[in-house]
Protein backbone atom coordinates (compact mmCIF):
# COMPACT_ATOMS: atom_id res chain seq x y z
CA MET A 1 -1.02 -24.18 -46.77
CA LEU A 2 1.17 -25.57 -43.96
CA SER A 3 1.88 -29.33 -44.02
CA ILE A 4 1.30 -31.52 -41.01
CA GLN A 5 4.99 -31.52 -40.28
CA GLU A 6 5.44 -27.89 -40.55
CA LEU A 7 2.51 -27.15 -38.25
CA LEU A 8 4.00 -29.72 -35.69
CA GLN A 9 7.34 -27.90 -35.96
CA ALA A 10 5.66 -24.50 -35.42
CA ILE A 11 3.95 -25.87 -32.36
CA ARG A 12 7.26 -27.13 -30.99
CA SER A 13 9.13 -23.98 -31.65
CA ALA A 14 6.33 -21.89 -29.94
CA LYS A 15 6.62 -24.36 -26.96
CA LEU A 16 2.84 -25.01 -27.13
CA ALA A 17 3.38 -28.68 -26.84
CA ASP A 18 6.25 -28.25 -23.89
CA PHE A 19 4.75 -30.01 -21.06
CA ASP A 20 7.25 -28.50 -18.48
CA ALA A 21 6.36 -24.96 -20.09
CA TRP A 22 2.71 -25.53 -19.53
CA ARG A 23 3.37 -26.82 -16.03
CA GLY A 24 5.21 -23.80 -15.17
CA ARG A 25 2.47 -21.42 -16.51
CA LEU A 26 -0.03 -23.45 -14.58
CA VAL A 27 1.98 -22.96 -11.28
CA VAL A 28 2.25 -19.18 -11.93
CA TRP A 29 -1.62 -18.97 -12.66
CA THR A 30 -2.60 -21.01 -9.55
CA ALA A 31 -0.13 -18.84 -7.42
CA ALA A 32 -1.74 -15.60 -8.84
CA ALA A 33 -5.31 -16.83 -8.00
CA THR A 34 -4.33 -18.03 -4.61
CA ALA A 35 -2.73 -14.52 -4.05
CA GLY A 36 -5.70 -12.65 -5.26
CA LEU A 37 -8.12 -14.85 -3.13
CA THR A 38 -5.83 -14.34 0.15
CA VAL A 39 -5.69 -10.65 -0.46
CA VAL A 40 -9.46 -10.62 -0.80
CA LEU A 41 -9.96 -12.45 2.35
CA PHE A 42 -7.62 -9.99 4.05
CA ALA A 43 -9.58 -7.21 2.76
CA LYS A 44 -12.84 -8.56 4.12
CA LEU A 45 -11.04 -9.22 7.63
CA THR A 46 -9.92 -5.60 7.92
CA GLU A 47 -13.44 -4.12 7.06
CA HIS A 48 -14.84 -6.39 9.74
CA ALA A 49 -11.98 -5.07 12.02
CA ASN A 50 -12.72 -1.45 11.27
CA THR A 51 -16.51 -1.99 11.92
CA PHE A 52 -15.86 -3.67 15.20
CA PHE A 53 -13.41 -0.88 16.38
CA PHE A 54 -15.76 1.97 15.39
CA SER A 55 -18.83 0.18 17.01
CA ILE A 56 -17.04 0.20 20.39
CA GLN A 57 -15.59 3.67 20.01
CA LYS A 58 -19.02 5.12 19.28
CA SER A 59 -20.34 3.28 22.40
CA HIS A 60 -17.55 4.16 24.83
CA TRP A 61 -15.36 6.99 23.55
CA TRP A 62 -12.86 6.44 26.23
CA LEU A 63 -12.31 2.62 25.43
CA PRO A 64 -9.55 3.18 22.80
CA LEU A 65 -7.41 4.91 25.33
CA ILE A 66 -7.21 1.34 26.85
CA ILE A 67 -7.41 -0.73 23.91
CA THR A 68 -5.03 0.90 21.47
CA PRO A 69 -1.95 1.04 23.58
CA LEU A 70 -2.37 -2.49 24.98
CA ALA A 71 -3.10 -3.81 21.57
CA GLY A 72 0.16 -1.98 20.28
CA ILE A 73 2.15 -3.70 22.98
CA ALA A 74 0.79 -7.19 22.24
CA ILE A 75 1.08 -6.83 18.53
CA VAL A 76 4.67 -5.60 18.52
CA TRP A 77 5.53 -8.41 20.90
CA LEU A 78 4.10 -10.98 18.80
CA THR A 79 5.81 -9.41 15.72
CA ARG A 80 9.14 -9.24 17.36
CA ARG A 81 8.84 -12.85 19.02
CA TRP A 82 7.22 -14.91 16.00
CA PHE A 83 6.97 -12.74 12.86
CA THR A 84 10.30 -10.82 12.47
CA GLY A 85 9.88 -8.98 9.07
CA ALA A 86 6.17 -8.49 9.36
CA SER A 87 6.28 -5.03 10.82
CA GLY A 88 5.62 -1.79 8.95
CA SER A 89 4.23 -1.41 5.52
CA GLY A 90 5.53 -4.53 3.65
CA ILE A 91 6.60 -2.76 0.39
CA PRO A 92 10.04 -1.85 1.54
CA GLN A 93 10.43 -5.68 2.67
CA THR A 94 9.16 -6.85 -0.86
CA ILE A 95 11.63 -4.57 -2.63
CA ALA A 96 14.26 -5.84 -0.39
CA ALA A 97 13.53 -9.37 -1.12
CA LEU A 98 13.86 -8.65 -4.91
CA SER A 99 17.48 -7.06 -4.34
CA GLY A 100 20.64 -8.93 -5.26
CA THR A 101 20.91 -12.55 -6.84
CA GLU A 102 20.81 -14.71 -3.78
CA GLU A 103 17.77 -16.50 -2.52
CA PRO A 104 15.15 -14.14 -0.81
CA SER A 105 15.25 -14.26 2.94
CA SER A 106 12.38 -16.17 4.65
CA LYS A 107 12.29 -13.23 7.16
CA LEU A 108 10.97 -11.04 4.24
CA VAL A 109 8.71 -13.31 2.09
CA SER A 110 7.22 -16.53 3.52
CA LEU A 111 3.78 -18.04 4.31
CA LYS A 112 4.53 -17.52 7.87
CA ILE A 113 5.04 -13.63 7.13
CA ALA A 114 1.92 -13.69 5.14
CA PHE A 115 -0.09 -15.27 8.11
CA GLY A 116 1.51 -12.95 10.48
CA LYS A 117 0.87 -9.85 8.18
CA ILE A 118 -2.88 -10.76 7.95
CA ALA A 119 -3.49 -11.52 11.63
CA LEU A 120 -1.49 -8.80 13.16
CA GLY A 121 -2.58 -6.24 10.57
CA THR A 122 -6.22 -7.00 11.05
CA GLY A 123 -5.57 -6.81 14.85
CA ALA A 124 -4.00 -3.54 14.40
CA LEU A 125 -7.14 -2.09 12.71
CA ALA A 126 -9.35 -3.71 15.19
CA ALA A 127 -7.44 -1.73 17.84
CA GLY A 128 -7.75 1.47 16.13
CA PHE A 129 -4.42 2.26 14.66
CA SER A 130 -4.36 4.61 11.48
CA ALA A 131 -3.16 2.08 8.89
CA GLY A 132 -4.25 0.69 5.55
CA ARG A 133 -4.01 -2.87 4.29
CA GLU A 134 -2.68 -2.05 0.78
CA GLY A 135 0.96 -2.11 1.69
CA PRO A 136 0.63 -5.25 3.76
CA SER A 137 -1.22 -6.83 0.92
CA VAL A 138 1.92 -6.17 -1.21
CA GLN A 139 3.90 -8.47 1.21
CA VAL A 140 1.27 -11.02 1.58
CA GLY A 141 0.77 -11.41 -2.37
CA ALA A 142 4.50 -11.69 -2.75
CA SER A 143 4.84 -14.10 0.12
CA VAL A 144 2.08 -16.51 -1.30
CA MET A 145 3.30 -16.38 -4.92
CA HIS A 146 7.03 -16.97 -3.67
CA ALA A 147 5.88 -20.03 -1.96
CA PHE A 148 4.74 -21.51 -5.17
CA GLY A 149 8.24 -21.13 -6.71
CA ARG A 150 9.25 -24.48 -5.42
CA PHE A 151 6.95 -26.08 -7.86
CA LEU A 152 8.27 -24.57 -11.03
CA PRO A 153 9.95 -27.02 -13.34
CA ALA A 154 13.83 -26.82 -13.83
CA GLY A 155 14.63 -24.51 -16.54
CA PHE A 156 11.35 -22.53 -16.63
CA SER A 157 11.80 -19.38 -18.51
CA VAL A 158 10.93 -17.21 -15.37
CA ASN A 159 13.11 -16.79 -12.25
CA PRO A 160 11.23 -17.99 -9.27
CA LYS A 161 12.31 -14.63 -7.67
CA TYR A 162 10.06 -12.76 -10.01
CA LEU A 163 7.00 -14.34 -8.57
CA ILE A 164 7.59 -12.05 -5.62
CA LEU A 165 7.44 -9.10 -8.09
CA ALA A 166 4.05 -10.54 -9.62
CA GLY A 167 2.71 -11.36 -6.10
CA GLY A 168 3.38 -7.87 -4.75
CA ALA A 169 1.92 -6.12 -7.57
CA ALA A 170 -1.06 -8.57 -7.61
CA GLY A 171 -1.53 -7.49 -4.03
CA ILE A 172 -2.23 -3.81 -4.91
CA SER A 173 -4.47 -4.98 -7.85
CA ALA A 174 -6.57 -7.14 -5.57
CA ALA A 175 -6.71 -4.84 -2.48
CA PHE A 176 -7.88 -1.85 -4.42
CA ASN A 177 -9.60 -3.60 -7.25
CA THR A 178 -7.29 -1.67 -9.60
CA PRO A 179 -5.55 -4.09 -12.01
CA LEU A 180 -4.09 -1.19 -14.14
CA ALA A 181 -2.51 0.35 -11.03
CA GLY A 182 -0.95 -3.10 -10.17
CA VAL A 183 0.76 -3.30 -13.37
CA VAL A 184 2.25 0.22 -13.14
CA PHE A 185 3.18 -0.38 -9.43
CA ALA A 186 5.17 -3.43 -10.52
CA ILE A 187 7.07 -1.52 -13.02
CA GLU A 188 7.55 1.74 -11.16
CA GLU A 189 8.15 0.68 -7.53
CA LEU A 190 8.93 -3.01 -7.45
CA GLY A 191 10.54 -4.13 -10.72
CA ARG A 192 13.14 -1.52 -11.71
CA ARG A 193 15.43 -4.34 -12.37
CA PHE A 194 13.32 -7.05 -13.81
CA GLU A 195 13.88 -8.77 -17.08
CA GLN A 196 11.92 -8.06 -20.15
CA LYS A 197 10.99 -11.72 -20.48
CA THR A 198 9.12 -11.67 -17.13
CA ASN A 199 6.52 -8.99 -18.32
CA GLY A 200 4.10 -11.54 -19.60
CA VAL A 201 4.07 -13.64 -16.63
CA VAL A 202 3.86 -10.46 -14.29
CA ILE A 203 1.02 -8.94 -16.23
CA THR A 204 -0.83 -12.15 -16.47
CA ALA A 205 -0.53 -12.74 -12.70
CA ILE A 206 -1.68 -9.37 -11.82
CA VAL A 207 -4.72 -9.46 -14.15
CA LEU A 208 -5.65 -13.00 -12.98
CA SER A 209 -5.66 -11.89 -9.19
CA GLY A 210 -7.53 -8.88 -10.33
CA LEU A 211 -10.16 -11.15 -11.83
CA VAL A 212 -10.42 -13.28 -8.57
CA SER A 213 -10.87 -9.91 -6.69
CA ILE A 214 -13.74 -8.87 -9.19
CA SER A 215 -15.58 -12.32 -9.04
CA LEU A 216 -15.68 -12.27 -5.24
CA GLN A 217 -16.30 -8.57 -4.60
CA GLY A 218 -17.95 -7.42 -7.70
CA ASN A 219 -16.67 -4.99 -10.36
CA TYR A 220 -16.78 -1.91 -7.96
CA THR A 221 -14.71 1.19 -7.73
CA TYR A 222 -13.28 1.74 -4.36
CA PHE A 223 -14.75 5.02 -3.68
CA GLY A 224 -17.72 4.85 -6.21
CA SER A 225 -18.07 6.94 -9.18
CA LEU A 226 -17.13 10.59 -8.46
CA SER A 227 -19.05 13.26 -10.30
CA VAL A 228 -16.37 16.20 -10.75
CA GLY A 229 -18.46 18.20 -13.36
CA ILE A 230 -16.87 19.78 -16.41
CA ILE A 231 -13.08 19.75 -16.34
CA ASP A 232 -11.56 22.69 -18.55
CA ARG A 233 -8.60 25.04 -18.19
CA LYS A 234 -10.13 26.22 -14.89
CA ILE A 235 -8.57 23.31 -13.30
CA ILE A 236 -4.95 24.45 -14.03
CA LEU A 237 -4.77 26.64 -10.89
CA PRO A 238 -6.13 24.01 -8.46
CA VAL A 239 -3.59 21.37 -10.03
CA ILE A 240 -0.68 23.78 -9.30
CA ILE A 241 -1.87 24.76 -5.80
CA CYS A 242 -2.65 21.18 -4.80
CA GLY A 243 0.55 19.93 -6.36
CA LEU A 244 2.84 22.35 -4.51
CA VAL A 245 0.89 22.07 -1.19
CA CYS A 246 0.61 18.32 -1.17
CA GLY A 247 4.32 18.00 -2.40
CA LEU A 248 5.44 20.08 0.55
CA LEU A 249 3.45 18.25 3.19
CA GLY A 250 3.81 14.79 1.48
CA GLY A 251 7.69 15.34 1.43
CA ILE A 252 7.79 16.29 5.00
CA PHE A 253 5.73 13.20 5.90
CA SER A 254 8.09 11.04 3.97
CA ARG A 255 11.20 12.63 5.56
CA THR A 256 9.65 12.29 8.99
CA LEU A 257 9.13 8.63 8.66
CA ILE A 258 12.54 7.94 7.28
CA GLU A 259 14.43 10.12 9.86
CA ALA A 260 12.33 8.72 12.86
CA SER A 261 12.79 5.04 11.55
CA GLY A 262 16.47 5.52 12.20
CA LYS A 263 18.37 6.25 15.26
CA VAL A 264 16.79 9.17 17.38
CA SER A 265 18.71 10.90 19.90
CA GLY A 266 17.55 11.81 23.52
CA ARG A 267 15.28 10.12 25.82
CA VAL A 268 12.74 9.23 23.10
CA GLY A 269 15.31 7.54 21.09
CA GLN A 270 16.51 5.55 24.17
CA LEU A 271 12.98 4.51 24.96
CA ARG A 272 12.48 3.26 21.40
CA SER A 273 15.68 1.43 21.01
CA LEU A 274 15.78 -0.07 24.58
CA HIS A 275 12.18 -0.80 25.09
CA PRO A 276 10.37 -1.21 21.63
CA ILE A 277 7.34 -3.02 23.25
CA TRP A 278 6.58 -0.02 25.64
CA TRP A 279 7.41 2.37 22.82
CA ALA A 280 4.52 0.62 20.75
CA GLY A 281 2.27 1.37 23.82
CA PHE A 282 3.23 5.00 23.76
CA CYS A 283 2.52 5.22 20.25
CA GLY A 284 -0.83 3.61 20.61
CA LEU A 285 -1.73 5.92 23.55
CA MET A 286 -0.93 8.97 21.12
CA VAL A 287 -3.19 7.56 18.47
CA ALA A 288 -6.08 7.03 20.92
CA LEU A 289 -5.72 10.59 22.39
CA LEU A 290 -5.77 11.96 18.81
CA GLY A 291 -8.84 9.78 18.16
CA ALA A 292 -10.50 11.20 21.35
CA ILE A 293 -10.02 14.71 20.51
CA SER A 294 -11.23 14.24 16.92
CA GLY A 295 -14.24 12.11 17.59
CA GLY A 296 -12.62 8.93 16.14
CA SER A 297 -11.25 10.48 12.89
CA ALA A 298 -7.88 9.65 13.69
CA HIS A 299 -8.50 5.76 13.59
CA GLY A 300 -8.54 3.24 10.98
CA SER A 301 -7.61 3.62 7.28
CA GLY A 302 -9.73 6.74 6.71
CA TYR A 303 -11.87 5.26 4.08
CA LEU A 304 -15.31 6.30 5.65
CA SER A 305 -14.33 9.92 6.08
CA THR A 306 -12.75 10.08 2.57
CA HIS A 307 -15.91 8.50 1.10
CA GLU A 308 -18.28 10.87 2.84
CA MET A 309 -16.04 13.93 1.58
CA LEU A 310 -15.92 12.79 -1.84
CA ASN A 311 -19.69 12.49 -1.96
CA GLY A 312 -20.26 15.79 -0.42
CA ASN A 313 -22.17 14.29 2.71
CA ILE A 314 -19.76 15.72 5.30
CA ALA A 315 -17.35 18.71 5.50
CA GLU A 316 -14.55 17.79 7.76
CA THR A 317 -13.17 20.37 10.22
CA TRP A 318 -9.67 21.76 9.33
CA GLN A 319 -8.18 19.60 12.08
CA TYR A 320 -8.93 16.33 10.21
CA ALA A 321 -5.74 16.51 7.97
CA PRO A 322 -3.25 17.20 10.82
CA ILE A 323 -4.66 14.75 13.14
CA LYS A 324 -4.72 12.00 10.48
CA TYR A 325 -1.23 13.03 9.55
CA LEU A 326 0.00 12.63 13.09
CA ALA A 327 -1.91 9.43 13.82
CA THR A 328 -0.39 7.86 10.80
CA ILE A 329 3.19 8.65 11.67
CA PHE A 330 2.73 7.36 15.22
CA THR A 331 1.16 4.27 13.85
CA TYR A 332 4.01 3.60 11.50
CA LEU A 333 6.51 4.26 14.06
CA SER A 334 4.96 1.96 16.56
CA GLY A 335 6.19 -1.01 14.56
CA ILE A 336 2.91 -2.73 13.95
CA PRO A 337 2.14 -4.28 10.55
CA GLY A 338 0.11 -1.55 8.50
CA GLY A 339 0.47 0.53 5.51
CA ILE A 340 0.24 4.07 4.60
CA PHE A 341 -1.50 4.02 1.19
CA ALA A 342 -5.03 4.39 2.47
CA PRO A 343 -4.23 6.74 5.26
CA SER A 344 -2.32 9.03 2.76
CA LEU A 345 -5.28 9.00 0.42
CA SER A 346 -7.51 10.11 3.51
CA ILE A 347 -4.93 12.65 4.40
CA GLY A 348 -4.92 14.04 0.94
CA ALA A 349 -8.81 14.46 1.00
CA GLY A 350 -8.24 16.28 4.32
CA ILE A 351 -5.95 18.67 2.82
CA GLY A 352 -8.21 19.19 -0.20
CA ASN A 353 -10.95 20.16 2.23
CA ASP A 354 -8.66 22.83 3.96
CA LEU A 355 -7.98 24.25 0.42
CA LEU A 356 -11.61 24.57 -0.67
CA PRO A 357 -11.78 28.23 0.98
CA LEU A 358 -8.70 29.26 -1.25
CA ILE A 359 -9.70 27.38 -4.37
CA GLY A 360 -13.51 27.40 -4.30
CA GLN A 361 -16.29 25.11 -3.40
CA GLN A 362 -17.34 24.66 -6.98
CA HIS A 363 -14.35 22.52 -7.61
CA ALA A 364 -14.90 20.43 -4.38
CA ALA A 365 -14.91 16.88 -5.74
CA ALA A 366 -12.05 17.59 -8.13
CA VAL A 367 -9.91 19.19 -5.46
CA TYR A 368 -10.33 16.30 -3.19
CA ALA A 369 -9.22 13.84 -6.02
CA LEU A 370 -6.27 15.92 -6.91
CA CYS A 371 -5.08 16.13 -3.39
CA MET A 372 -5.50 12.44 -2.79
CA ALA A 373 -3.27 11.72 -5.86
CA GLY A 374 -0.84 14.48 -4.89
CA PHE A 375 -0.32 13.57 -1.34
CA LEU A 376 0.19 9.80 -2.12
CA ALA A 377 2.65 10.78 -5.08
CA ALA A 378 4.53 12.92 -2.63
CA ALA A 379 4.55 10.45 0.22
CA THR A 380 5.74 7.53 -2.13
CA GLN A 381 7.29 9.36 -4.95
CA ALA A 382 5.63 6.85 -7.22
CA PRO A 383 3.49 9.42 -9.32
CA LEU A 384 2.37 7.02 -12.11
CA THR A 385 0.90 4.50 -9.46
CA SER A 386 -0.58 7.35 -7.56
CA PHE A 387 -2.63 9.02 -10.25
CA ILE A 388 -3.75 5.65 -11.85
CA ILE A 389 -4.86 4.19 -8.39
CA VAL A 390 -7.01 7.42 -7.65
CA MET A 391 -8.22 7.47 -11.31
CA GLU A 392 -9.45 3.70 -11.02
CA MET A 393 -10.74 4.27 -7.39
CA ILE A 394 -13.14 6.97 -8.26
CA ASP A 395 -13.75 6.00 -11.86
CA GLY A 396 -12.33 9.47 -12.88
CA HIS A 397 -10.99 8.81 -16.44
CA GLU A 398 -12.20 12.37 -17.29
CA MET A 399 -9.55 13.84 -14.74
CA ILE A 400 -6.54 11.64 -16.13
CA ILE A 401 -4.54 14.63 -17.39
CA SER A 402 -5.13 16.68 -14.20
CA LEU A 403 -4.28 13.65 -11.93
CA MET A 404 -1.21 12.92 -13.90
CA ALA A 405 0.05 16.65 -13.59
CA VAL A 406 -0.77 16.92 -9.83
CA SER A 407 0.90 13.82 -9.16
CA MET A 408 4.13 14.71 -11.11
CA ILE A 409 4.27 18.27 -9.46
CA ALA A 410 3.89 16.84 -5.99
CA SER A 411 6.51 14.18 -6.50
CA ILE A 412 8.98 16.66 -7.92
CA VAL A 413 8.51 18.92 -4.85
CA SER A 414 8.60 16.16 -2.43
CA ARG A 415 12.08 15.24 -3.58
CA ILE A 416 13.39 18.65 -2.33
CA PHE A 417 12.63 17.31 1.28
CA SER A 418 12.96 13.61 1.15
CA LYS A 419 14.52 10.71 -0.42
CA PRO A 420 12.08 8.04 -1.88
CA LEU A 421 10.41 6.31 1.19
CA TYR A 422 10.13 2.80 0.15
CA ALA A 423 13.49 2.74 -1.68
CA THR A 424 15.08 4.14 1.41
CA MET A 425 13.39 1.83 3.74
CA ALA A 426 14.34 -1.12 1.55
CA ASN A 427 17.97 -0.16 1.62
CA THR A 428 17.76 -0.64 5.49
CA HIS A 429 16.39 -4.09 5.12
CA ILE A 430 19.01 -4.98 2.64
CA GLN A 431 21.75 -3.59 4.95
CA HIS A 432 20.36 -5.71 7.74
CA LYS A 433 20.49 -8.75 5.50
CA ALA A 434 24.10 -8.01 4.44
CA ASP A 435 25.22 -7.52 8.13
CA HIS A 436 23.49 -10.82 9.01
CA HIS A 437 25.46 -12.63 6.37
CA SER A 438 28.76 -11.12 7.35
CA GLU A 439 28.39 -12.22 10.97
């Protein structure tokens, strides 16, 4: 039996009676809950934005030809004028904010950036751009949690910077309602340099934000429970085919975004560098034209089309994948705030639809899931996050081995054609920050 004195000593050594330690934990928990709440509200706004756009698109098919370019011009102008750092996905900016030892730039993570990302990202979807909310949710979550760093007590065991890591992962967790994917994303994509002692804080924050998401939205799966039938050795050939095809196309997709994000020669490059506002209008017009010839399939995150394909309610034409592919590239290059996670999943489902004549209709649901994971893994070169996200989104635990295999194959093939997308983009932000400091 422990004496009273020994018990008190044990409590002190465990820091259970340390007021500052508990205050620090309370700050982290409050920050995580706030980040989760913010991302859920962002998700609700984007859902209403998608509904609004498709309601007017169905009533007047020609209206996006006017709305999308004009909105692109306005959004990019506002981004460049008031919210520098809010353009694009948000994941490269979060990675860049975690780099180095200096204080993260307020141009990458701040409450102002979070507000701009939410408002302009919602506007982009309301205008019909092919984008997702998940990448922006990473930057929003990171910005919200980073803002709480000032309230941490001096000497707290966790570096305030690692609230960015926890917030970014919490953004994925709350956006997709996939807490496990949030943990893996933190380790695989965001936290390659984070310290062992931050693990508990990061995981606690991710889980807490996930609980906030579940309490507000219910314990749902993003695409519902997918019935894939019996998974046996017959799945091996579809896994190989899907992995190779998605790896090739995803690698080219990633390479295109990286190359086009840099300096482009010719008149197109001059238009983009000298007149970025008009360039955004041109990209918006291209998205609108792709939407017009596809009956609206080019627009939005692709959630509705993907959901219908997974449930066997519609069979998209062969053009869906290439049209969504091009629309997402033009959206990314326009400079509007928006991510590629959800569109990549939609492109993957479209590729799966095109592969069904080769593989066979009896594997339809499984092929859709395999190509979703494969294309996302190839585009991001984050195979662990990709297969876990898809597994959690479709409640497909029986496919865990096949999803893991297709993600690994696709990621390896993608490396032949492209460098890692987010890491390469993050290096660009880091270089810009270094150039700014040297001036």
